[in-house]
């Protein structure tokens, strides 16, 4: 199996996380330990779970961690919707993030199928 860091889904998710860290740096200070923290944790959790799962000894373990990563994708989608509706990110920025997140979600589904 390919090294997890070489997977396109890992690279896309990593870049998304970096962009979300930058985007959330402009959120109100009172969101630092709330929405900012949740967005950052959910986005970094995608790759943390891919990395952890890839270091497990069995495919069922790896698949379980990919499933957890997909759960983080869902959590992230909601936090970004909330951020848009609260006016913390612009609609066009939200739509860009949403598209990228949906792409990552599809790629995770593909990875699950590829593992078997």
C-alpha atoms as a PDB file:
ATOM      1  CA  UNK A   1       0.000   0.000   0.000  1.00  0.00           C
ATOM      2  CA  UNK A   2       1.050   3.557  -0.744  1.00  0.00           C
ATOM      3  CA  UNK A   3       2.411   5.715   2.066  1.00  0.00           C
ATOM      4  CA  UNK A   4      -0.547   7.665   3.447  1.00  0.00           C
ATOM      5  CA  UNK A   5       1.224  11.008   3.012  1.00  0.00           C
ATOM      6  CA  UNK A   6       1.449  10.297  -0.723  1.00  0.00           C
ATOM      7  CA  UNK A   7      -2.319   9.890  -1.115  1.00  0.00           C
ATOM      8  CA  UNK A   8      -4.070  12.785  -2.858  1.00  0.00           C
ATOM      9  CA  UNK A   9      -6.784  12.782  -0.206  1.00  0.00           C
ATOM     10  CA  UNK A  10      -4.144  13.304   2.487  1.00  0.00           C
ATOM     11  CA  UNK A  11      -2.526  16.160   0.555  1.00  0.00           C
ATOM     12  CA  UNK A  12      -5.856  17.870  -0.142  1.00  0.00           C
ATOM     13  CA  UNK A  13      -6.968  17.513   3.451  1.00  0.00           C
ATOM     14  CA  UNK A  14      -3.643  18.851   4.742  1.00  0.00           C
ATOM     15  CA  UNK A  15      -3.893  21.917   2.490  1.00  0.00           C
ATOM     16  CA  UNK A  16      -7.490  22.450   3.574  1.00  0.00           C
ATOM     17  CA  UNK A  17      -6.437  22.321   7.222  1.00  0.00           C
ATOM     18  CA  UNK A  18      -3.743  24.929   6.650  1.00  0.00           C
ATOM     19  CA  UNK A  19      -6.238  27.196   4.873  1.00  0.00           C
ATOM     20  CA  UNK A  20      -8.779  26.748   7.663  1.00  0.00           C
ATOM     21  CA  UNK A  21      -6.197  27.644  10.302  1.00  0.00           C
ATOM     22  CA  UNK A  22      -5.577  30.864   8.383  1.00  0.00           C
ATOM     23  CA  UNK A  23      -9.274  31.586   7.848  1.00  0.00           C
ATOM     24  CA  UNK A  24     -10.158  31.043  11.505  1.00  0.00           C
ATOM     25  CA  UNK A  25      -7.404  33.386  12.658  1.00  0.00           C
ATOM     26  CA  UNK A  26      -9.749  36.258  11.743  1.00  0.00           C
ATOM     27  CA  UNK A  27     -12.694  34.970  13.795  1.00  0.00           C
ATOM     28  CA  UNK A  28     -13.753  36.958  16.875  1.00  0.00           C
ATOM     29  CA  UNK A  29     -11.556  36.382  19.912  1.00  0.00           C
ATOM     30  CA  UNK A  30     -14.472  35.002  21.921  1.00  0.00           C
ATOM     31  CA  UNK A  31     -14.672  32.097  19.418  1.00  0.00           C
ATOM     32  CA  UNK A  32     -11.064  31.029  20.058  1.00  0.00           C
ATOM     33  CA  UNK A  33     -12.017  28.184  22.376  1.00  0.00           C
ATOM     34  CA  UNK A  34     -15.336  27.445  20.669  1.00  0.00           C
ATOM     35  CA  UNK A  35     -15.833  27.460  16.930  1.00  0.00           C
ATOM     36  CA  UNK A  36     -12.197  28.115  16.014  1.00  0.00           C
ATOM     37  CA  UNK A  37     -11.048  25.195  18.131  1.00  0.00           C
ATOM     38  CA  UNK A  38     -13.740  22.899  16.758  1.00  0.00           C
ATOM     39  CA  UNK A  39     -12.957  23.744  13.123  1.00  0.00           C
ATOM     40  CA  UNK A  40      -9.249  23.254  13.628  1.00  0.00           C
ATOM     41  CA  UNK A  41      -9.698  19.988  15.510  1.00  0.00           C
ATOM     42  CA  UNK A  42     -12.165  18.564  12.977  1.00  0.00           C
ATOM     43  CA  UNK A  43     -10.008  19.482   9.987  1.00  0.00           C
ATOM     44  CA  UNK A  44      -6.777  18.152  11.477  1.00  0.00           C
ATOM     45  CA  UNK A  45      -8.613  15.047  12.693  1.00  0.00           C
ATOM     46  CA  UNK A  46      -9.196  13.931   9.108  1.00  0.00           C
ATOM     47  CA  UNK A  47      -5.503  13.373   8.450  1.00  0.00           C
ATOM     48  CA  UNK A  48      -4.693  12.358  12.006  1.00  0.00           C
ATOM     49  CA  UNK A  49      -7.128   9.475  11.621  1.00  0.00           C
ATOM     50  CA  UNK A  50      -5.806   8.579   8.181  1.00  0.00           C
ATOM     51  CA  UNK A  51      -2.300   8.517   9.588  1.00  0.00           C
ATOM     52  CA  UNK A  52      -3.237   6.505  12.672  1.00  0.00           C
ATOM     53  CA  UNK A  53      -5.313   4.022  10.689  1.00  0.00           C
ATOM     54  CA  UNK A  54      -2.548   3.479   8.163  1.00  0.00           C
ATOM     55  CA  UNK A  55      -0.231   2.502  10.995  1.00  0.00           C
ATOM     56  CA  UNK A  56      -2.571  -0.202  12.260  1.00  0.00           C
ATOM     57  CA  UNK A  57      -1.853  -3.773  11.343  1.00  0.00           C
ATOM     58  CA  UNK A  58      -5.111  -4.714   9.655  1.00  0.00           C
ATOM     59  CA  UNK A  59      -7.334  -3.380   6.914  1.00  0.00           C
ATOM     60  CA  UNK A  60     -10.438  -3.470   9.150  1.00  0.00           C
ATOM     61  CA  UNK A  61      -8.645  -1.146  11.592  1.00  0.00           C
ATOM     62  CA  UNK A  62      -7.607   1.163   8.761  1.00  0.00           C
ATOM     63  CA  UNK A  63     -11.168   1.207   7.426  1.00  0.00           C
ATOM     64  CA  UNK A  64     -12.509   2.085  10.867  1.00  0.00           C
ATOM     65  CA  UNK A  65     -10.193   5.094  11.068  1.00  0.00           C
ATOM     66  CA  UNK A  66     -11.169   6.196   7.559  1.00  0.00           C
ATOM     67  CA  UNK A  67     -14.757   6.088   8.798  1.00  0.00           C
ATOM     68  CA  UNK A  68     -13.808   8.277  11.736  1.00  0.00           C
ATOM     69  CA  UNK A  69     -12.127  10.690   9.301  1.00  0.00           C
ATOM     70  CA  UNK A  70     -15.385  10.815   7.327  1.00  0.00           C
ATOM     71  CA  UNK A  71     -17.182  11.689  10.552  1.00  0.00           C
ATOM     72  CA  UNK A  72     -14.793  14.605  11.012  1.00  0.00           C
ATOM     73  CA  UNK A  73     -15.672  15.740   7.485  1.00  0.00           C
ATOM     74  CA  UNK A  74     -19.333  15.884   8.467  1.00  0.00           C
ATOM     75  CA  UNK A  75     -18.551  17.795  11.637  1.00  0.00           C
ATOM     76  CA  UNK A  76     -16.427  20.255   9.680  1.00  0.00           C
ATOM     77  CA  UNK A  77     -19.191  20.840   7.129  1.00  0.00           C
ATOM     78  CA  UNK A  78     -21.549  21.942   9.872  1.00  0.00           C
ATOM     79  CA  UNK A  79     -19.036  24.174  11.644  1.00  0.00           C
ATOM     80  CA  UNK A  80     -18.322  25.984   8.388  1.00  0.00           C
ATOM     81  CA  UNK A  81     -22.024  26.436   7.654  1.00  0.00           C
ATOM     82  CA  UNK A  82     -22.423  27.927  11.116  1.00  0.00           C
ATOM     83  CA  UNK A  83     -19.402  30.163  10.544  1.00  0.00           C
ATOM     84  CA  UNK A  84     -20.940  31.463   7.317  1.00  0.00           C
ATOM     85  CA  UNK A  85     -24.323  32.062   8.909  1.00  0.00           C
ATOM     86  CA  UNK A  86     -22.705  33.931  11.808  1.00  0.00           C
ATOM     87  CA  UNK A  87     -20.853  36.135   9.307  1.00  0.00           C
ATOM     88  CA  UNK A  88     -17.364  34.905  10.192  1.00  0.00           C
ATOM     89  CA  UNK A  89     -16.615  33.766   6.637  1.00  0.00           C
ATOM     90  CA  UNK A  90     -17.967  35.119   3.366  1.00  0.00           C
ATOM     91  CA  UNK A  91     -20.367  33.048   1.281  1.00  0.00           C
ATOM     92  CA  UNK A  92     -17.842  32.577  -1.544  1.00  0.00           C
ATOM     93  CA  UNK A  93     -15.190  31.404   0.928  1.00  0.00           C
ATOM     94  CA  UNK A  94     -17.728  29.033   2.470  1.00  0.00           C
ATOM     95  CA  UNK A  95     -18.646  27.617  -0.957  1.00  0.00           C
ATOM     96  CA  UNK A  96     -14.972  27.053  -1.753  1.00  0.00           C
ATOM     97  CA  UNK A  97     -14.407  25.222   1.527  1.00  0.00           C
ATOM     98  CA  UNK A  98     -17.618  23.231   1.074  1.00  0.00           C
ATOM     99  CA  UNK A  99     -16.545  22.083  -2.392  1.00  0.00           C
ATOM    100  CA  UNK A 100     -13.134  21.038  -1.096  1.00  0.00           C
ATOM    101  CA  UNK A 101     -14.658  19.179   1.838  1.00  0.00           C
ATOM    102  CA  UNK A 102     -17.100  17.336  -0.420  1.00  0.00           C
ATOM    103  CA  UNK A 103     -14.212  16.339  -2.679  1.00  0.00           C
ATOM    104  CA  UNK A 104     -12.299  14.971   0.309  1.00  0.00           C
ATOM    105  CA  UNK A 105     -15.392  13.084   1.460  1.00  0.00           C
ATOM    106  CA  UNK A 106     -15.717  11.408  -1.954  1.00  0.00           C
ATOM    107  CA  UNK A 107     -12.027  10.566  -1.947  1.00  0.00           C
ATOM    108  CA  UNK A 108     -12.335   8.954   1.493  1.00  0.00           C
ATOM    109  CA  UNK A 109     -15.238   6.869   0.213  1.00  0.00           C
ATOM    110  CA  UNK A 110     -13.053   5.817  -2.725  1.00  0.00           C
ATOM    111  CA  UNK A 111     -10.228   4.910  -0.365  1.00  0.00           C
ATOM    112  CA  UNK A 112     -12.601   2.732   1.665  1.00  0.00           C
ATOM    113  CA  UNK A 113     -13.635   0.905  -1.514  1.00  0.00           C
ATOM    114  CA  UNK A 114     -10.032   0.492  -2.638  1.00  0.00           C
ATOM    115  CA  UNK A 115      -9.072  -1.149   0.648  1.00  0.00           C
ATOM    116  CA  UNK A 116     -11.913  -3.607   0.217  1.00  0.00           C
END
